[in-house]
Amino acid sequence: MFYLLICAFAGVLGVKYYTSMGMRKLEHRLRGVQQDLDKVKGLKKEKEDEQKEMADEEDLCEERIRSMKDIINDLEYRLTTSKEEETEVI
């Protein structure tokens, strides 16, 4: 009877050791995945910041182009009206 008790105790210790080793490996893998995930999150944040900067620059360029077009249209209008006034004077 004592022999069975010792065998059962050894079995429990073996299973406990096997599970703790499995948990250790799993925690190690989990830490690696967590580190990779943190790196990817950092890269994603950098890319989002770059994209936001690009969008801001694009908006600024579009605003400049719009302003230049307005200036050109205004100059063309003034030139055509001044030519019309010259032809009326002549």
PDB file of N, CA and C in Angstrom:
ATOM      1  N   MET A   1       0.814  -1.189   0.000  1.00  0.00           N
ATOM      2  CA  MET A   1       0.000   0.000   0.000  1.00  0.00           C
ATOM      3  C   MET A   1       0.864   1.263   0.000  1.00  0.00           C
ATOM      4  N   PHE A   2       1.878   1.230   0.832  1.00  0.00           N
ATOM      5  CA  PHE A   2       2.802   2.356   0.899  1.00  0.00           C
ATOM      6  C   PHE A   2       3.488   2.557  -0.445  1.00  0.00           C
ATOM      7  N   TYR A   3       3.766   1.450  -1.134  1.00  0.00           N
ATOM      8  CA  TYR A   3       4.397   1.482  -2.444  1.00  0.00           C
ATOM      9  C   TYR A   3       3.503   2.229  -3.444  1.00  0.00           C
ATOM     10  N   LEU A   4       2.214   1.981  -3.428  1.00  0.00           N
ATOM     11  CA  LEU A   4       1.283   2.658  -4.339  1.00  0.00           C
ATOM     12  C   LEU A   4       1.207   4.158  -4.032  1.00  0.00           C
ATOM     13  N   LEU A   5       1.265   4.489  -2.766  1.00  0.00           N
ATOM     14  CA  LEU A   5       1.228   5.890  -2.373  1.00  0.00           C
ATOM     15  C   LEU A   5       2.464   6.629  -2.883  1.00  0.00           C
ATOM     16  N   ILE A   6       3.620   6.007  -2.772  1.00  0.00           N
ATOM     17  CA  ILE A   6       4.861   6.615  -3.271  1.00  0.00           C
ATOM     18  C   ILE A   6       4.827   6.717  -4.790  1.00  0.00           C
ATOM     19  N   CYS A   7       4.327   5.713  -5.481  1.00  0.00           N
ATOM     20  CA  CYS A   7       4.217   5.765  -6.951  1.00  0.00           C
ATOM     21  C   CYS A   7       3.254   6.876  -7.383  1.00  0.00           C
ATOM     22  N   ALA A   8       2.130   7.016  -6.701  1.00  0.00           N
ATOM     23  CA  ALA A   8       1.170   8.070  -7.032  1.00  0.00           C
ATOM     24  C   ALA A   8       1.787   9.442  -6.786  1.00  0.00           C
ATOM     25  N   PHE A   9       2.506   9.580  -5.669  1.00  0.00           N
ATOM     26  CA  PHE A   9       3.167  10.844  -5.353  1.00  0.00           C
ATOM     27  C   PHE A   9       4.213  11.188  -6.410  1.00  0.00           C
ATOM     28  N   ALA A  10       5.000  10.182  -6.838  1.00  0.00           N
ATOM     29  CA  ALA A  10       6.001  10.399  -7.888  1.00  0.00           C
ATOM     30  C   ALA A  10       5.315  10.779  -9.201  1.00  0.00           C
ATOM     31  N   GLY A  11       4.185  10.152  -9.488  1.00  0.00           N
ATOM     32  CA  GLY A  11       3.432  10.491 -10.697  1.00  0.00           C
ATOM     33  C   GLY A  11       2.933  11.926 -10.663  1.00  0.00           C
ATOM     34  N   VAL A  12       2.423  12.349  -9.532  1.00  0.00           N
ATOM     35  CA  VAL A  12       1.936  13.725  -9.385  1.00  0.00           C
ATOM     36  C   VAL A  12       3.083  14.704  -9.554  1.00  0.00           C
ATOM     37  N   LEU A  13       4.238  14.398  -8.920  1.00  0.00           N
ATOM     38  CA  LEU A  13       5.403  15.275  -9.069  1.00  0.00           C
ATOM     39  C   LEU A  13       5.871  15.334 -10.519  1.00  0.00           C
ATOM     40  N   GLY A  14       5.863  14.201 -11.219  1.00  0.00           N
ATOM     41  CA  GLY A  14       6.267  14.167 -12.628  1.00  0.00           C
ATOM     42  C   GLY A  14       5.349  15.013 -13.493  1.00  0.00           C
ATOM     43  N   VAL A  15       4.057  14.873 -13.293  1.00  0.00           N
ATOM     44  CA  VAL A  15       3.088  15.651 -14.071  1.00  0.00           C
ATOM     45  C   VAL A  15       3.238  17.136 -13.756  1.00  0.00           C
ATOM     46  N   LYS A  16       3.435  17.449 -12.479  1.00  0.00           N
ATOM     47  CA  LYS A  16       3.599  18.847 -12.077  1.00  0.00           C
ATOM     48  C   LYS A  16       4.853  19.446 -12.723  1.00  0.00           C
ATOM     49  N   TYR A  17       5.949  18.689 -12.741  1.00  0.00           N
ATOM     50  CA  TYR A  17       7.190  19.158 -13.362  1.00  0.00           C
ATOM     51  C   TYR A  17       6.991  19.354 -14.866  1.00  0.00           C
ATOM     52  N   TYR A  18       6.346  18.379 -15.507  1.00  0.00           N
ATOM     53  CA  TYR A  18       6.095  18.457 -16.949  1.00  0.00           C
ATOM     54  C   TYR A  18       5.240  19.687 -17.274  1.00  0.00           C
ATOM     55  N   THR A  19       4.216  19.955 -16.468  1.00  0.00           N
ATOM     56  CA  THR A  19       3.352  21.114 -16.714  1.00  0.00           C
ATOM     57  C   THR A  19       4.105  22.416 -16.490  1.00  0.00           C
ATOM     58  N   SER A  20       4.952  22.456 -15.464  1.00  0.00           N
ATOM     59  CA  SER A  20       5.695  23.693 -15.207  1.00  0.00           C
ATOM     60  C   SER A  20       6.678  23.976 -16.340  1.00  0.00           C
ATOM     61  N   MET A  21       7.286  22.926 -16.895  1.00  0.00           N
ATOM     62  CA  MET A  21       8.189  23.121 -18.035  1.00  0.00           C
ATOM     63  C   MET A  21       7.408  23.621 -19.253  1.00  0.00           C
ATOM     64  N   GLY A  22       6.240  23.058 -19.477  1.00  0.00           N
ATOM     65  CA  GLY A  22       5.392  23.523 -20.580  1.00  0.00           C
ATOM     66  C   GLY A  22       4.975  24.970 -20.394  1.00  0.00           C
ATOM     67  N   MET A  23       4.637  25.327 -19.166  1.00  0.00           N
ATOM     68  CA  MET A  23       4.257  26.718 -18.884  1.00  0.00           C
ATOM     69  C   MET A  23       5.428  27.665 -19.101  1.00  0.00           C
ATOM     70  N   ARG A  24       6.610  27.243 -18.712  1.00  0.00           N
ATOM     71  CA  ARG A  24       7.796  28.084 -18.889  1.00  0.00           C
ATOM     72  C   ARG A  24       8.048  28.336 -20.378  1.00  0.00           C
ATOM     73  N   LYS A  25       7.943  27.269 -21.183  1.00  0.00           N
ATOM     74  CA  LYS A  25       8.130  27.426 -22.634  1.00  0.00           C
ATOM     75  C   LYS A  25       7.047  28.337 -23.219  1.00  0.00           C
ATOM     76  N   LEU A  26       5.832  28.145 -22.760  1.00  0.00           N
ATOM     77  CA  LEU A  26       4.722  28.958 -23.255  1.00  0.00           C
ATOM     78  C   LEU A  26       4.903  30.428 -22.882  1.00  0.00           C
ATOM     79  N   GLU A  27       5.330  30.701 -21.661  1.00  0.00           N
ATOM     80  CA  GLU A  27       5.573  32.082 -21.242  1.00  0.00           C
ATOM     81  C   GLU A  27       6.705  32.709 -22.043  1.00  0.00           C
ATOM     82  N   HIS A  28       7.731  31.916 -22.348  1.00  0.00           N
ATOM     83  CA  HIS A  28       8.847  32.416 -23.162  1.00  0.00           C
ATOM     84  C   HIS A  28       8.354  32.791 -24.560  1.00  0.00           C
ATOM     85  N   ARG A  29       7.548  31.919 -25.163  1.00  0.00           N
ATOM     86  CA  ARG A  29       6.986  32.218 -26.485  1.00  0.00           C
ATOM     87  C   ARG A  29       6.078  33.443 -26.421  1.00  0.00           C
ATOM     88  N   LEU A  30       5.300  33.535 -25.349  1.00  0.00           N
ATOM     89  CA  LEU A  30       4.388  34.662 -25.195  1.00  0.00           C
ATOM     90  C   LEU A  30       5.148  35.977 -25.072  1.00  0.00           C
ATOM     91  N   ARG A  31       6.254  35.978 -24.329  1.00  0.00           N
ATOM     92  CA  ARG A  31       7.075  37.187 -24.217  1.00  0.00           C
ATOM     93  C   ARG A  31       7.638  37.587 -25.581  1.00  0.00           C
ATOM     94  N   GLY A  32       8.083  36.591 -26.359  1.00  0.00           N
ATOM     95  CA  GLY A  32       8.600  36.891 -27.697  1.00  0.00           C
ATOM     96  C   GLY A  32       7.535  37.499 -28.592  1.00  0.00           C
ATOM     97  N   VAL A  33       6.342  36.931 -28.544  1.00  0.00           N
ATOM     98  CA  VAL A  33       5.238  37.456 -29.351  1.00  0.00           C
ATOM     99  C   VAL A  33       4.873  38.864 -28.888  1.00  0.00           C
ATOM    100  N   GLN A  34       4.881  39.086 -27.582  1.00  0.00           N
ATOM    101  CA  GLN A  34       4.554  40.413 -27.044  1.00  0.00           C
ATOM    102  C   GLN A  34       5.573  41.452 -27.499  1.00  0.00           C
ATOM    103  N   GLN A  35       6.852  41.084 -27.505  1.00  0.00           N
ATOM    104  CA  GLN A  35       7.888  42.012 -27.967  1.00  0.00           C
ATOM    105  C   GLN A  35       7.706  42.330 -29.446  1.00  0.00           C
ATOM    106  N   ASP A  36       7.418  41.297 -30.248  1.00  0.00           N
ATOM    107  CA  ASP A  36       7.180  41.530 -31.670  1.00  0.00           C
ATOM    108  C   ASP A  36       5.958  42.417 -31.876  1.00  0.00           C
ATOM    109  N   LEU A  37       4.932  42.177 -31.087  1.00  0.00           N
ATOM    110  CA  LEU A  37       3.719  42.986 -31.190  1.00  0.00           C
ATOM    111  C   LEU A  37       4.000  44.442 -30.836  1.00  0.00           C
ATOM    112  N   ASP A  38       4.798  44.669 -29.810  1.00  0.00           N
ATOM    113  CA  ASP A  38       5.162  46.039 -29.437  1.00  0.00           C
ATOM    114  C   ASP A  38       5.951  46.724 -30.553  1.00  0.00           C
ATOM    115  N   LYS A  39       6.865  45.974 -31.195  1.00  0.00           N
ATOM    116  CA  LYS A  39       7.626  46.540 -32.314  1.00  0.00           C
ATOM    117  C   LYS A  39       6.693  46.935 -33.450  1.00  0.00           C
ATOM    118  N   VAL A  40       5.761  46.043 -33.773  1.00  0.00           N
ATOM    119  CA  VAL A  40       4.836  46.314 -34.876  1.00  0.00           C
ATOM    120  C   VAL A  40       3.936  47.500 -34.538  1.00  0.00           C
ATOM    121  N   LYS A  41       3.507  47.591 -33.282  1.00  0.00           N
ATOM    122  CA  LYS A  41       2.691  48.746 -32.879  1.00  0.00           C
ATOM    123  C   LYS A  41       3.477  50.039 -33.032  1.00  0.00           C
ATOM    124  N   GLY A  42       4.765  50.007 -32.672  1.00  0.00           N
ATOM    125  CA  GLY A  42       5.606  51.192 -32.831  1.00  0.00           C
ATOM    126  C   GLY A  42       5.748  51.580 -34.289  1.00  0.00           C
ATOM    127  N   LEU A  43       5.975  50.576 -35.158  1.00  0.00           N
ATOM    128  CA  LEU A  43       6.089  50.852 -36.590  1.00  0.00           C
ATOM    129  C   LEU A  43       4.779  51.405 -37.141  1.00  0.00           C
ATOM    130  N   LYS A  44       3.669  50.834 -36.691  1.00  0.00           N
ATOM    131  CA  LYS A  44       2.364  51.315 -37.150  1.00  0.00           C
ATOM    132  C   LYS A  44       2.164  52.775 -36.748  1.00  0.00           C
ATOM    133  N   LYS A  45       2.525  53.103 -35.519  1.00  0.00           N
ATOM    134  CA  LYS A  45       2.396  54.486 -35.037  1.00  0.00           C
ATOM    135  C   LYS A  45       3.260  55.427 -35.867  1.00  0.00           C
ATOM    136  N   GLU A  46       4.503  55.001 -36.172  1.00  0.00           N
ATOM    137  CA  GLU A  46       5.388  55.832 -36.994  1.00  0.00           C
ATOM    138  C   GLU A  46       4.788  56.059 -38.375  1.00  0.00           C
ATOM    139  N   LYS A  47       4.273  54.993 -38.978  1.00  0.00           N
ATOM    140  CA  LYS A  47       3.694  55.117 -40.323  1.00  0.00           C
ATOM    141  C   LYS A  47       2.450  56.000 -40.306  1.00  0.00           C
ATOM    142  N   GLU A  48       1.639  55.877 -39.259  1.00  0.00           N
ATOM    143  CA  GLU A  48       0.465  56.746 -39.163  1.00  0.00           C
ATOM    144  C   GLU A  48       0.878  58.205 -39.024  1.00  0.00           C
ATOM    145  N   ASP A  49       1.930  58.460 -38.248  1.00  0.00           N
ATOM    146  CA  ASP A  49       2.428  59.832 -38.109  1.00  0.00           C
ATOM    147  C   ASP A  49       2.952  60.354 -39.441  1.00  0.00           C
ATOM    148  N   GLU A  50       3.710  59.504 -40.163  1.00  0.00           N
ATOM    149  CA  GLU A  50       4.219  59.910 -41.479  1.00  0.00           C
ATOM    150  C   GLU A  50       3.062  60.195 -42.427  1.00  0.00           C
ATOM    151  N   GLN A  51       2.043  59.336 -42.389  1.00  0.00           N
ATOM    152  CA  GLN A  51       0.902  59.519 -43.274  1.00  0.00           C
ATOM    153  C   GLN A  51       0.171  60.825 -42.942  1.00  0.00           C
ATOM    154  N   LYS A  52       0.049  61.129 -41.654  1.00  0.00           N
ATOM    155  CA  LYS A  52      -0.606  62.377 -41.253  1.00  0.00           C
ATOM    156  C   LYS A  52       0.202  63.580 -41.728  1.00  0.00           C
ATOM    157  N   GLU A  53       1.535  63.510 -41.596  1.00  0.00           N
ATOM    158  CA  GLU A  53       2.381  64.602 -42.075  1.00  0.00           C
ATOM    159  C   GLU A  53       2.233  64.774 -43.579  1.00  0.00           C
ATOM    160  N   MET A  54       2.206  63.653 -44.305  1.00  0.00           N
ATOM    161  CA  MET A  54       2.042  63.722 -45.764  1.00  0.00           C
ATOM    162  C   MET A  54       0.695  64.338 -46.125  1.00  0.00           C
ATOM    163  N   ALA A  55      -0.349  63.948 -45.405  1.00  0.00           N
ATOM    164  CA  ALA A  55      -1.674  64.501 -45.687  1.00  0.00           C
ATOM    165  C   ALA A  55      -1.690  66.002 -45.413  1.00  0.00           C
ATOM    166  N   ASP A  56      -1.035  66.421 -44.335  1.00  0.00           N
ATOM    167  CA  ASP A  56      -0.962  67.853 -44.033  1.00  0.00           C
ATOM    168  C   ASP A  56      -0.199  68.602 -45.121  1.00  0.00           C
ATOM    169  N   GLU A  57       0.921  68.024 -45.574  1.00  0.00           N
ATOM    170  CA  GLU A  57       1.691  68.653 -46.654  1.00  0.00           C
ATOM    171  C   GLU A  57       0.875  68.706 -47.937  1.00  0.00           C
ATOM    172  N   GLU A  58       0.138  67.631 -48.213  1.00  0.00           N
ATOM    173  CA  GLU A  58      -0.689  67.598 -49.414  1.00  0.00           C
ATOM    174  C   GLU A  58      -1.768  68.678 -49.350  1.00  0.00           C
ATOM    175  N   ASP A  59      -2.405  68.824 -48.199  1.00  0.00           N
ATOM    176  CA  ASP A  59      -3.419  69.871 -48.045  1.00  0.00           C
ATOM    177  C   ASP A  59      -2.807  71.255 -48.239  1.00  0.00           C
ATOM    178  N   LEU A  60      -1.613  71.452 -47.692  1.00  0.00           N
ATOM    179  CA  LEU A  60      -0.934  72.735 -47.841  1.00  0.00           C
ATOM    180  C   LEU A  60      -0.618  73.009 -49.315  1.00  0.00           C
ATOM    181  N   CYS A  61      -0.123  71.997 -50.017  1.00  0.00           N
ATOM    182  CA  CYS A  61       0.185  72.169 -51.446  1.00  0.00           C
ATOM    183  C   CYS A  61      -1.082  72.447 -52.248  1.00  0.00           C
ATOM    184  N   GLU A  62      -2.152  71.741 -51.937  1.00  0.00           N
ATOM    185  CA  GLU A  62      -3.410  71.983 -52.647  1.00  0.00           C
ATOM    186  C   GLU A  62      -3.913  73.406 -52.398  1.00  0.00           C
ATOM    187  N   GLU A  63      -3.759  73.874 -51.179  1.00  0.00           N
ATOM    188  CA  GLU A  63      -4.169  75.246 -50.858  1.00  0.00           C
ATOM    189  C   GLU A  63      -3.322  76.254 -51.634  1.00  0.00           C
ATOM    190  N   ARG A  64      -2.025  75.995 -51.724  1.00  0.00           N
ATOM    191  CA  ARG A  64      -1.149  76.885 -52.502  1.00  0.00           C
ATOM    192  C   ARG A  64      -1.548  76.889 -53.970  1.00  0.00           C
ATOM    193  N   ILE A  65      -1.823  75.705 -54.506  1.00  0.00           N
ATOM    194  CA  ILE A  65      -2.219  75.610 -55.918  1.00  0.00           C
ATOM    195  C   ILE A  65      -3.525  76.363 -56.143  1.00  0.00           C
ATOM    196  N   ARG A  66      -4.484  76.181 -55.230  1.00  0.00           N
ATOM    197  CA  ARG A  66      -5.750  76.901 -55.345  1.00  0.00           C
ATOM    198  C   ARG A  66      -5.529  78.415 -55.325  1.00  0.00           C
ATOM    199  N   SER A  67      -4.664  78.861 -54.430  1.00  0.00           N
ATOM    200  CA  SER A  67      -4.377  80.301 -54.339  1.00  0.00           C
ATOM    201  C   SER A  67      -3.717  80.799 -55.617  1.00  0.00           C
ATOM    202  N   MET A  68      -2.773  80.017 -56.147  1.00  0.00           N
ATOM    203  CA  MET A  68      -2.105  80.417 -57.395  1.00  0.00           C
ATOM    204  C   MET A  68      -3.096  80.476 -58.546  1.00  0.00           C
ATOM    205  N   LYS A  69      -4.007  79.504 -58.621  1.00  0.00           N
ATOM    206  CA  LYS A  69      -5.012  79.517 -59.684  1.00  0.00           C
ATOM    207  C   LYS A  69      -5.908  80.749 -59.559  1.00  0.00           C
ATOM    208  N   ASP A  70      -6.282  81.073 -58.326  1.00  0.00           N
ATOM    209  CA  ASP A  70      -7.107  82.268 -58.118  1.00  0.00           C
ATOM    210  C   ASP A  70      -6.361  83.528 -58.551  1.00  0.00           C
ATOM    211  N   ILE A  71      -5.081  83.598 -58.211  1.00  0.00           N
ATOM    212  CA  ILE A  71      -4.278  84.762 -58.607  1.00  0.00           C
ATOM    213  C   ILE A  71      -4.174  84.839 -60.124  1.00  0.00           C
ATOM    214  N   ILE A  72      -3.920  83.700 -60.771  1.00  0.00           N
ATOM    215  CA  ILE A  72      -3.806  83.673 -62.236  1.00  0.00           C
ATOM    216  C   ILE A  72      -5.129  84.078 -62.874  1.00  0.00           C
ATOM    217  N   ASN A  73      -6.235  83.538 -62.371  1.00  0.00           N
ATOM    218  CA  ASN A  73      -7.550  83.906 -62.918  1.00  0.00           C
ATOM    219  C   ASN A  73      -7.822  85.395 -62.731  1.00  0.00           C
ATOM    220  N   ASP A  74      -7.455  85.915 -61.581  1.00  0.00           N
ATOM    221  CA  ASP A  74      -7.644  87.342 -61.322  1.00  0.00           C
ATOM    222  C   ASP A  74      -6.798  88.178 -62.276  1.00  0.00           C
ATOM    223  N   LEU A  75      -5.540  87.781 -62.473  1.00  0.00           N
ATOM    224  CA  LEU A  75      -4.671  88.517 -63.403  1.00  0.00           C
ATOM    225  C   LEU A  75      -5.208  88.447 -64.834  1.00  0.00           C
ATOM    226  N   GLU A  76      -5.669  87.263 -65.242  1.00  0.00           N
ATOM    227  CA  GLU A  76      -6.231  87.130 -66.589  1.00  0.00           C
ATOM    228  C   GLU A  76      -7.461  88.027 -66.740  1.00  0.00           C
ATOM    229  N   TYR A  77      -8.286  88.053 -65.716  1.00  0.00           N
ATOM    230  CA  TYR A  77      -9.479  88.903 -65.765  1.00  0.00           C
ATOM    231  C   TYR A  77      -9.089  90.372 -65.870  1.00  0.00           C
ATOM    232  N   ARG A  78      -8.127  90.787 -65.084  1.00  0.00           N
ATOM    233  CA  ARG A  78      -7.694  92.184 -65.121  1.00  0.00           C
ATOM    234  C   ARG A  78      -7.069  92.529 -66.466  1.00  0.00           C
ATOM    235  N   LEU A  79      -6.295  91.599 -67.024  1.00  0.00           N
ATOM    236  CA  LEU A  79      -5.687  91.863 -68.329  1.00  0.00           C
ATOM    237  C   LEU A  79      -6.749  91.969 -69.416  1.00  0.00           C
ATOM    238  N   THR A  80      -7.745  91.093 -69.378  1.00  0.00           N
ATOM    239  CA  THR A  80      -8.785  91.163 -70.413  1.00  0.00           C
ATOM    240  C   THR A  80      -9.621  92.429 -70.264  1.00  0.00           C
ATOM    241  N   THR A  81      -9.892  92.825 -69.029  1.00  0.00           N
ATOM    242  CA  THR A  81     -10.671  94.062 -68.856  1.00  0.00           C
ATOM    243  C   THR A  81      -9.853  95.276 -69.256  1.00  0.00           C
ATOM    244  N   SER A  82      -8.548  95.255 -68.992  1.00  0.00           N
ATOM    245  CA  SER A  82      -7.730  96.403 -69.391  1.00  0.00           C
ATOM    246  C   SER A  82      -7.599  96.445 -70.914  1.00  0.00           C
ATOM    247  N   LYS A  83      -7.550  95.299 -71.591  1.00  0.00           N
ATOM    248  CA  LYS A  83      -7.494  95.282 -73.057  1.00  0.00           C
ATOM    249  C   LYS A  83      -8.802  95.798 -73.635  1.00  0.00           C
ATOM    250  N   GLU A  84      -9.905  95.426 -73.028  1.00  0.00           N
ATOM    251  CA  GLU A  84     -11.205  95.902 -73.500  1.00  0.00           C
ATOM    252  C   GLU A  84     -11.312  97.414 -73.332  1.00  0.00           C
ATOM    253  N   GLU A  85     -10.783  97.923 -72.253  1.00  0.00           N
ATOM    254  CA  GLU A  85     -10.812  99.368 -72.027  1.00  0.00           C
ATOM    255  C   GLU A  85      -9.935 100.076 -73.052  1.00  0.00           C
ATOM    256  N   GLU A  86      -8.789  99.463 -73.405  1.00  0.00           N
ATOM    257  CA  GLU A  86      -7.910 100.072 -74.404  1.00  0.00           C
ATOM    258  C   GLU A  86      -8.590 100.102 -75.769  1.00  0.00           C
ATOM    259  N   THR A  87      -9.278  99.020 -76.117  1.00  0.00           N
ATOM    260  CA  THR A  87      -9.948  99.004 -77.417  1.00  0.00           C
ATOM    261  C   THR A  87     -11.103 100.001 -77.449  1.00  0.00           C
ATOM    262  N   GLU A  88     -11.750 100.216 -76.333  1.00  0.00           N
ATOM    263  CA  GLU A  88     -12.828 101.199 -76.279  1.00  0.00           C
ATOM    264  C   GLU A  88     -12.279 102.612 -76.403  1.00  0.00           C
ATOM    265  N   VAL A  89     -11.105 102.845 -75.851  1.00  0.00           N
ATOM    266  CA  VAL A  89     -10.496 104.163 -75.908  1.00  0.00           C
ATOM    267  C   VAL A  89     -10.047 104.446 -77.336  1.00  0.00           C
ATOM    268  N   ILE A  90      -9.559 103.468 -78.025  1.00  0.00           N
ATOM    269  CA  ILE A  90      -9.061 103.671 -79.379  1.00  0.00           C
ATOM    270  C   ILE A  90     -10.232 103.854 -80.281  1.00  0.00           C
TER     271      ILE A  90
END
